[in-house]
Amino acid sequence: MTRVYHRTLFLRGPAGKLEALLWTSPQKSPPLAAVVCHPHPLYGGTLHNKVVFQAAKTLHRLGVPVLRFNFRGAGLSEAAHDNGRGEAGDVTAAIDFLEREFPDLPLLLAGFSFGAWVGLRVACTDARVTEVVGLGIPVNSSDLSYLRGCHKPKLFIHGSRDQYGAREKVESLVDSLPGPKRLVIVEGADHFFAGKLERVGEALREWVVELHHELNA
């Protein structure tokens, strides 16, 4: 099993300090680093969310350094919730940190729910991010049309019973996007993938290893 090196820290965010947790491992030359963005902070979302943790654990077990952080107003992060506007700057702050810590490494950005809506919007236009993952994208209530201009490799993992993202709307959106892309529907799963988190990890691991064969060596 991969040994976890925990580092708790505060990022320099655009509106104040952002609480964060970085996982690294003894692997000396990882092919990429990753950031995982949490769900809506006004509904209890933090970097410790179970879906976010599952994604981080899966990536870390592949030897990938993983950063999680709390959006403004969540946990010990400063400032107040800004309905996705200021949070885009929080995501950029996380990307800036990873670039400093792991210069020249391509970055993967994953986000769950609100974290996907905000995070992927930033990631699709930031050249430092080379691949994106949307977990439980909230298509029922959020404008995700920006994804139609995103030509980076994209993975979407979605529960068939997601109450915030109707399956047919997710399938229609993904169909409209440029490739490369993949949609994995987890049958019987709700928005939080209750009882199905292992399937989320399996789908994420399979996709990342296909893009980075050296991770499976």
C-alpha atoms as a PDB file:
ATOM      1  CA  MET A   1       0.000   0.000   0.000  1.00  0.00           C
ATOM      2  CA  THR A   2       1.231   3.512  -0.825  1.00  0.00           C
ATOM      3  CA  ARG A   3       2.480   5.364   2.228  1.00  0.00           C
ATOM      4  CA  VAL A   4       0.770   8.717   2.741  1.00  0.00           C
ATOM      5  CA  TYR A   5       2.714  11.848   3.617  1.00  0.00           C
ATOM      6  CA  HIS A   6       0.246  14.411   4.961  1.00  0.00           C
ATOM      7  CA  ARG A   7       0.984  18.093   4.834  1.00  0.00           C
ATOM      8  CA  THR A   8      -1.559  20.541   6.195  1.00  0.00           C
ATOM      9  CA  LEU A   9      -1.116  24.111   5.032  1.00  0.00           C
ATOM     10  CA  PHE A  10      -2.800  27.353   4.064  1.00  0.00           C
ATOM     11  CA  LEU A  11      -2.819  28.524   0.454  1.00  0.00           C
ATOM     12  CA  ARG A  12      -2.641  32.193  -0.485  1.00  0.00           C
ATOM     13  CA  GLY A  13      -6.136  32.727  -1.825  1.00  0.00           C
ATOM     14  CA  PRO A  14      -7.424  35.881  -3.527  1.00  0.00           C
ATOM     15  CA  ALA A  15      -9.647  36.712  -0.532  1.00  0.00           C
ATOM     16  CA  GLY A  16      -7.580  35.243   2.298  1.00  0.00           C
ATOM     17  CA  LYS A  17      -6.041  32.013   3.495  1.00  0.00           C
ATOM     18  CA  LEU A  18      -7.410  28.694   2.221  1.00  0.00           C
ATOM     19  CA  GLU A  19      -7.125  25.590   4.379  1.00  0.00           C
ATOM     20  CA  ALA A  20      -5.559  22.725   2.435  1.00  0.00           C
ATOM     21  CA  LEU A  21      -4.191  19.202   2.704  1.00  0.00           C
ATOM     22  CA  LEU A  22      -1.492  17.799   0.427  1.00  0.00           C
ATOM     23  CA  TRP A  23      -0.851  14.080   0.087  1.00  0.00           C
ATOM     24  CA  THR A  24       2.437  12.930  -1.384  1.00  0.00           C
ATOM     25  CA  SER A  25       4.300   9.625  -1.515  1.00  0.00           C
ATOM     26  CA  PRO A  26       7.932   8.467  -1.829  1.00  0.00           C
ATOM     27  CA  GLN A  27       7.617   8.180  -5.628  1.00  0.00           C
ATOM     28  CA  LYS A  28      10.272  10.543  -6.955  1.00  0.00           C
ATOM     29  CA  SER A  29       8.998  11.258 -10.452  1.00  0.00           C
ATOM     30  CA  PRO A  30       5.203  11.220 -10.674  1.00  0.00           C
ATOM     31  CA  PRO A  31       3.866  11.963 -14.174  1.00  0.00           C
ATOM     32  CA  LEU A  32       1.271  14.427 -12.895  1.00  0.00           C
ATOM     33  CA  ALA A  33      -0.178  16.110  -9.823  1.00  0.00           C
ATOM     34  CA  ALA A  34      -3.849  16.618  -8.979  1.00  0.00           C
ATOM     35  CA  VAL A  35      -6.285  18.868  -7.173  1.00  0.00           C
ATOM     36  CA  VAL A  36      -9.754  17.747  -6.067  1.00  0.00           C
ATOM     37  CA  CYS A  37     -12.496  20.333  -5.412  1.00  0.00           C
ATOM     38  CA  HIS A  38     -15.259  19.761  -2.859  1.00  0.00           C
ATOM     39  CA  PRO A  39     -19.062  20.176  -3.098  1.00  0.00           C
ATOM     40  CA  HIS A  40     -21.196  23.135  -2.040  1.00  0.00           C
ATOM     41  CA  PRO A  41     -19.931  24.625   1.238  1.00  0.00           C
ATOM     42  CA  LEU A  42     -23.343  26.014   2.200  1.00  0.00           C
ATOM     43  CA  TYR A  43     -24.630  22.433   2.336  1.00  0.00           C
ATOM     44  CA  GLY A  44     -21.786  20.983   4.348  1.00  0.00           C
ATOM     45  CA  GLY A  45     -19.241  20.442   1.600  1.00  0.00           C
ATOM     46  CA  THR A  46     -15.590  20.420   2.670  1.00  0.00           C
ATOM     47  CA  LEU A  47     -12.314  18.824   1.625  1.00  0.00           C
ATOM     48  CA  HIS A  48     -13.244  15.878   3.863  1.00  0.00           C
ATOM     49  CA  ASN A  49     -16.331  14.952   1.802  1.00  0.00           C
ATOM     50  CA  LYS A  50     -16.462  11.189   1.155  1.00  0.00           C
ATOM     51  CA  VAL A  51     -16.540  11.472  -2.647  1.00  0.00           C
ATOM     52  CA  VAL A  52     -13.635  13.917  -2.634  1.00  0.00           C
ATOM     53  CA  PHE A  53     -11.729  11.637  -0.268  1.00  0.00           C
ATOM     54  CA  GLN A  54     -12.349   8.625  -2.520  1.00  0.00           C
ATOM     55  CA  ALA A  55     -11.043  10.458  -5.571  1.00  0.00           C
ATOM     56  CA  ALA A  56      -7.987  11.691  -3.682  1.00  0.00           C
ATOM     57  CA  LYS A  57      -7.271   8.230  -2.272  1.00  0.00           C
ATOM     58  CA  THR A  58      -7.522   6.639  -5.711  1.00  0.00           C
ATOM     59  CA  LEU A  59      -5.107   9.120  -7.263  1.00  0.00           C
ATOM     60  CA  HIS A  60      -2.685   8.914  -4.357  1.00  0.00           C
ATOM     61  CA  ARG A  61      -2.546   5.129  -4.564  1.00  0.00           C
ATOM     62  CA  LEU A  62      -1.260   5.614  -8.102  1.00  0.00           C
ATOM     63  CA  GLY A  63       1.592   7.721  -6.733  1.00  0.00           C
ATOM     64  CA  VAL A  64       0.048  11.049  -7.739  1.00  0.00           C
ATOM     65  CA  PRO A  65       0.479  14.016  -5.370  1.00  0.00           C
ATOM     66  CA  VAL A  66      -3.031  15.225  -4.455  1.00  0.00           C
ATOM     67  CA  LEU A  67      -4.142  18.570  -3.079  1.00  0.00           C
ATOM     68  CA  ARG A  68      -7.516  19.165  -1.452  1.00  0.00           C
ATOM     69  CA  PHE A  69      -8.555  22.551  -0.140  1.00  0.00           C
ATOM     70  CA  ASN A  70     -11.537  24.264   1.425  1.00  0.00           C
ATOM     71  CA  PHE A  71     -13.235  26.944  -0.612  1.00  0.00           C
ATOM     72  CA  ARG A  72     -13.561  30.376   1.012  1.00  0.00           C
ATOM     73  CA  GLY A  73     -15.823  30.246   4.051  1.00  0.00           C
ATOM     74  CA  ALA A  74     -15.515  26.470   4.506  1.00  0.00           C
ATOM     75  CA  GLY A  75     -13.587  24.923   7.384  1.00  0.00           C
ATOM     76  CA  LEU A  76     -10.727  27.193   8.363  1.00  0.00           C
ATOM     77  CA  SER A  77     -10.642  29.050   5.043  1.00  0.00           C
ATOM     78  CA  GLU A  78     -11.115  32.787   5.253  1.00  0.00           C
ATOM     79  CA  ALA A  79     -13.678  35.073   3.561  1.00  0.00           C
ATOM     80  CA  ALA A  80     -17.282  34.272   2.664  1.00  0.00           C
ATOM     81  CA  HIS A  81     -19.024  32.107   0.086  1.00  0.00           C
ATOM     82  CA  ASP A  82     -19.335  33.905  -3.266  1.00  0.00           C
ATOM     83  CA  ASN A  83     -21.751  31.731  -5.289  1.00  0.00           C
ATOM     84  CA  GLY A  84     -19.018  30.373  -7.536  1.00  0.00           C
ATOM     85  CA  ARG A  85     -17.545  33.705  -8.612  1.00  0.00           C
ATOM     86  CA  GLY A  86     -14.720  34.203  -6.141  1.00  0.00           C
ATOM     87  CA  GLU A  87     -14.345  30.436  -5.785  1.00  0.00           C
ATOM     88  CA  ALA A  88     -12.892  30.362  -9.298  1.00  0.00           C
ATOM     89  CA  GLY A  89      -9.986  32.350  -7.898  1.00  0.00           C
ATOM     90  CA  ASP A  90      -9.644  29.816  -5.091  1.00  0.00           C
ATOM     91  CA  VAL A  91      -9.222  27.081  -7.696  1.00  0.00           C
ATOM     92  CA  THR A  92      -6.561  29.113  -9.477  1.00  0.00           C
ATOM     93  CA  ALA A  93      -4.740  29.563  -6.167  1.00  0.00           C
ATOM     94  CA  ALA A  94      -4.669  25.779  -5.756  1.00  0.00           C
ATOM     95  CA  ILE A  95      -3.317  25.340  -9.279  1.00  0.00           C
ATOM     96  CA  ASP A  96      -0.681  28.005  -8.620  1.00  0.00           C
ATOM     97  CA  PHE A  97       0.435  26.134  -5.513  1.00  0.00           C
ATOM     98  CA  LEU A  98       0.764  22.820  -7.347  1.00  0.00           C
ATOM     99  CA  GLU A  99       2.741  24.499 -10.100  1.00  0.00           C
ATOM    100  CA  ARG A 100       5.204  25.829  -7.530  1.00  0.00           C
ATOM    101  CA  GLU A 101       5.447  22.509  -5.698  1.00  0.00           C
ATOM    102  CA  PHE A 102       5.685  20.337  -8.815  1.00  0.00           C
ATOM    103  CA  PRO A 103       7.090  22.518 -11.599  1.00  0.00           C
ATOM    104  CA  ASP A 104       6.738  21.194 -15.132  1.00  0.00           C
ATOM    105  CA  LEU A 105       4.232  18.501 -14.127  1.00  0.00           C
ATOM    106  CA  PRO A 106       0.895  18.433 -15.949  1.00  0.00           C
ATOM    107  CA  LEU A 107      -2.085  18.761 -13.644  1.00  0.00           C
ATOM    108  CA  LEU A 108      -5.349  16.892 -13.304  1.00  0.00           C
ATOM    109  CA  LEU A 109      -8.335  18.675 -11.806  1.00  0.00           C
ATOM    110  CA  ALA A 110     -11.283  16.754 -10.400  1.00  0.00           C
ATOM    111  CA  GLY A 111     -14.365  18.250  -8.825  1.00  0.00           C
ATOM    112  CA  PHE A 112     -17.491  16.924  -7.183  1.00  0.00           C
ATOM    113  CA  SER A 113     -20.854  18.683  -7.653  1.00  0.00           C
ATOM    114  CA  PHE A 114     -20.315  22.425  -6.954  1.00  0.00           C
ATOM    115  CA  GLY A 115     -16.584  21.694  -7.087  1.00  0.00           C
ATOM    116  CA  ALA A 116     -17.007  20.318 -10.600  1.00  0.00           C
ATOM    117  CA  TRP A 117     -19.048  23.297 -11.793  1.00  0.00           C
ATOM    118  CA  VAL A 118     -16.482  25.807 -10.515  1.00  0.00           C
ATOM    119  CA  GLY A 119     -13.332  23.755 -10.896  1.00  0.00           C
ATOM    120  CA  LEU A 120     -13.803  22.537 -14.439  1.00  0.00           C
ATOM    121  CA  ARG A 121     -14.671  26.067 -15.566  1.00  0.00           C
ATOM    122  CA  VAL A 122     -11.216  27.159 -14.470  1.00  0.00           C
ATOM    123  CA  ALA A 123      -9.438  23.997 -15.585  1.00  0.00           C
ATOM    124  CA  CYS A 124     -10.745  24.088 -19.132  1.00  0.00           C
ATOM    125  CA  THR A 125      -9.077  27.453 -19.771  1.00  0.00           C
ATOM    126  CA  ASP A 126      -5.882  26.970 -17.746  1.00  0.00           C
ATOM    127  CA  ALA A 127      -3.104  25.496 -19.861  1.00  0.00           C
ATOM    128  CA  ARG A 128      -1.450  23.985 -16.788  1.00  0.00           C
ATOM    129  CA  VAL A 129      -4.359  21.554 -16.412  1.00  0.00           C
ATOM    130  CA  THR A 130      -4.235  18.788 -19.000  1.00  0.00           C
ATOM    131  CA  GLU A 131      -7.168  16.577 -17.963  1.00  0.00           C
ATOM    132  CA  VAL A 132     -10.396  17.031 -16.010  1.00  0.00           C
ATOM    133  CA  VAL A 133     -12.799  14.863 -14.038  1.00  0.00           C
ATOM    134  CA  GLY A 134     -16.391  15.766 -13.178  1.00  0.00           C
ATOM    135  CA  LEU A 135     -18.056  13.776 -10.404  1.00  0.00           C
ATOM    136  CA  GLY A 136     -21.800  14.200 -10.002  1.00  0.00           C
ATOM    137  CA  ILE A 137     -21.994  17.254 -12.243  1.00  0.00           C
ATOM    138  CA  PRO A 138     -25.048  19.338 -11.200  1.00  0.00           C
ATOM    139  CA  VAL A 139     -26.653  19.696 -14.617  1.00  0.00           C
ATOM    140  CA  ASN A 140     -30.153  20.305 -13.249  1.00  0.00           C
ATOM    141  CA  SER A 141     -29.288  23.708 -11.802  1.00  0.00           C
ATOM    142  CA  SER A 142     -25.924  24.830 -13.235  1.00  0.00           C
ATOM    143  CA  ASP A 143     -24.736  26.108 -16.591  1.00  0.00           C
ATOM    144  CA  LEU A 144     -22.062  23.736 -17.836  1.00  0.00           C
ATOM    145  CA  SER A 145     -22.149  24.886 -21.458  1.00  0.00           C
ATOM    146  CA  TYR A 146     -18.540  26.073 -21.133  1.00  0.00           C
ATOM    147  CA  LEU A 147     -17.531  22.419 -21.410  1.00  0.00           C
ATOM    148  CA  ARG A 148     -18.403  22.523 -25.108  1.00  0.00           C
ATOM    149  CA  GLY A 149     -15.218  24.493 -25.663  1.00  0.00           C
ATOM    150  CA  CYS A 150     -13.046  22.126 -23.635  1.00  0.00           C
ATOM    151  CA  HIS A 151     -10.899  19.838 -25.781  1.00  0.00           C
ATOM    152  CA  LYS A 152      -8.936  18.307 -22.910  1.00  0.00           C
ATOM    153  CA  PRO A 153      -9.467  14.651 -21.910  1.00  0.00           C
ATOM    154  CA  LYS A 154     -12.626  14.543 -19.808  1.00  0.00           C
ATOM    155  CA  LEU A 155     -14.040  11.893 -17.495  1.00  0.00           C
ATOM    156  CA  PHE A 156     -17.502  12.142 -15.978  1.00  0.00           C
ATOM    157  CA  ILE A 157     -18.699   9.754 -13.280  1.00  0.00           C
ATOM    158  CA  HIS A 158     -22.377   9.982 -12.471  1.00  0.00           C
ATOM    159  CA  GLY A 159     -24.962   8.134 -10.451  1.00  0.00           C
ATOM    160  CA  SER A 160     -27.983   6.829 -12.359  1.00  0.00           C
ATOM    161  CA  ARG A 161     -30.225   8.147  -9.563  1.00  0.00           C
ATOM    162  CA  ASP A 162     -28.455  11.483  -9.042  1.00  0.00           C
ATOM    163  CA  GLN A 163     -31.110  13.869  -7.756  1.00  0.00           C
ATOM    164  CA  TYR A 164     -29.152  16.954  -8.879  1.00  0.00           C
ATOM    165  CA  GLY A 165     -28.226  15.687 -12.325  1.00  0.00           C
ATOM    166  CA  ALA A 166     -30.800  13.842 -14.374  1.00  0.00           C
ATOM    167  CA  ARG A 167     -29.187  10.996 -16.264  1.00  0.00           C
ATOM    168  CA  GLU A 168     -30.643  12.022 -19.623  1.00  0.00           C
ATOM    169  CA  LYS A 169     -29.352  15.589 -19.184  1.00  0.00           C
ATOM    170  CA  VAL A 170     -25.861  14.356 -18.360  1.00  0.00           C
ATOM    171  CA  GLU A 171     -25.842  12.004 -21.331  1.00  0.00           C
ATOM    172  CA  SER A 172     -27.060  14.773 -23.646  1.00  0.00           C
ATOM    173  CA  LEU A 173     -24.416  17.184 -22.383  1.00  0.00           C
ATOM    174  CA  VAL A 174     -21.557  14.716 -22.719  1.00  0.00           C
ATOM    175  CA  ASP A 175     -22.751  13.764 -26.209  1.00  0.00           C
ATOM    176  CA  SER A 176     -22.418  17.424 -27.202  1.00  0.00           C
ATOM    177  CA  LEU A 177     -18.837  17.793 -25.975  1.00  0.00           C
ATOM    178  CA  PRO A 178     -15.655  17.483 -28.023  1.00  0.00           C
ATOM    179  CA  GLY A 179     -13.435  14.514 -27.324  1.00  0.00           C
ATOM    180  CA  PRO A 180     -11.612  12.887 -25.792  1.00  0.00           C
ATOM    181  CA  LYS A 181     -14.347  12.139 -23.269  1.00  0.00           C
ATOM    182  CA  ARG A 182     -15.864   9.332 -21.238  1.00  0.00           C
ATOM    183  CA  LEU A 183     -19.055   9.035 -19.218  1.00  0.00           C
ATOM    184  CA  VAL A 184     -19.337   6.317 -16.580  1.00  0.00           C
ATOM    185  CA  ILE A 185     -22.822   5.797 -15.149  1.00  0.00           C
ATOM    186  CA  VAL A 186     -22.816   4.116 -11.751  1.00  0.00           C
ATOM    187  CA  GLU A 187     -26.072   2.179 -11.690  1.00  0.00           C
ATOM    188  CA  GLY A 188     -28.217   2.654  -8.614  1.00  0.00           C
ATOM    189  CA  ALA A 189     -26.048   5.446  -7.199  1.00  0.00           C
ATOM    190  CA  ASP A 190     -27.421   8.723  -5.874  1.00  0.00           C
ATOM    191  CA  HIS A 191     -25.651  12.095  -6.003  1.00  0.00           C
ATOM    192  CA  PHE A 192     -23.289  11.129  -3.171  1.00  0.00           C
ATOM    193  CA  PHE A 193     -22.581   7.630  -4.551  1.00  0.00           C
ATOM    194  CA  ALA A 194     -23.723   6.140  -1.237  1.00  0.00           C
ATOM    195  CA  GLY A 195     -22.619   2.520  -1.113  1.00  0.00           C
ATOM    196  CA  LYS A 196     -20.955   2.894  -4.534  1.00  0.00           C
ATOM    197  CA  LEU A 197     -17.770   4.799  -3.771  1.00  0.00           C
ATOM    198  CA  GLU A 198     -15.535   1.887  -4.719  1.00  0.00           C
ATOM    199  CA  ARG A 199     -17.012   1.994  -8.207  1.00  0.00           C
ATOM    200  CA  VAL A 200     -16.090   5.671  -8.428  1.00  0.00           C
ATOM    201  CA  GLY A 201     -12.519   4.801  -7.530  1.00  0.00           C
ATOM    202  CA  GLU A 202     -12.375   1.973 -10.055  1.00  0.00           C
ATOM    203  CA  ALA A 203     -13.620   4.157 -12.904  1.00  0.00           C
ATOM    204  CA  LEU A 204     -11.217   6.954 -12.052  1.00  0.00           C
ATOM    205  CA  ARG A 205      -8.239   4.634 -11.722  1.00  0.00           C
ATOM    206  CA  GLU A 206      -8.945   2.895 -15.028  1.00  0.00           C
ATOM    207  CA  TRP A 207      -9.187   6.181 -16.928  1.00  0.00           C
ATOM    208  CA  VAL A 208      -6.065   7.742 -15.415  1.00  0.00           C
ATOM    209  CA  VAL A 209      -3.969   4.631 -16.052  1.00  0.00           C
ATOM    210  CA  GLU A 210      -5.104   4.596 -19.686  1.00  0.00           C
ATOM    211  CA  LEU A 211      -3.778   8.145 -20.042  1.00  0.00           C
ATOM    212  CA  HIS A 212      -0.612   7.496 -18.023  1.00  0.00           C
ATOM    213  CA  HIS A 213       0.515   3.907 -18.583  1.00  0.00           C
ATOM    214  CA  GLU A 214       3.587   4.368 -16.397  1.00  0.00           C
ATOM    215  CA  LEU A 215       1.343   4.589 -13.326  1.00  0.00           C
ATOM    216  CA  ASN A 216       0.491   0.919 -13.725  1.00  0.00           C
ATOM    217  CA  ALA A 217       4.112  -0.199 -14.009  1.00  0.00           C
END
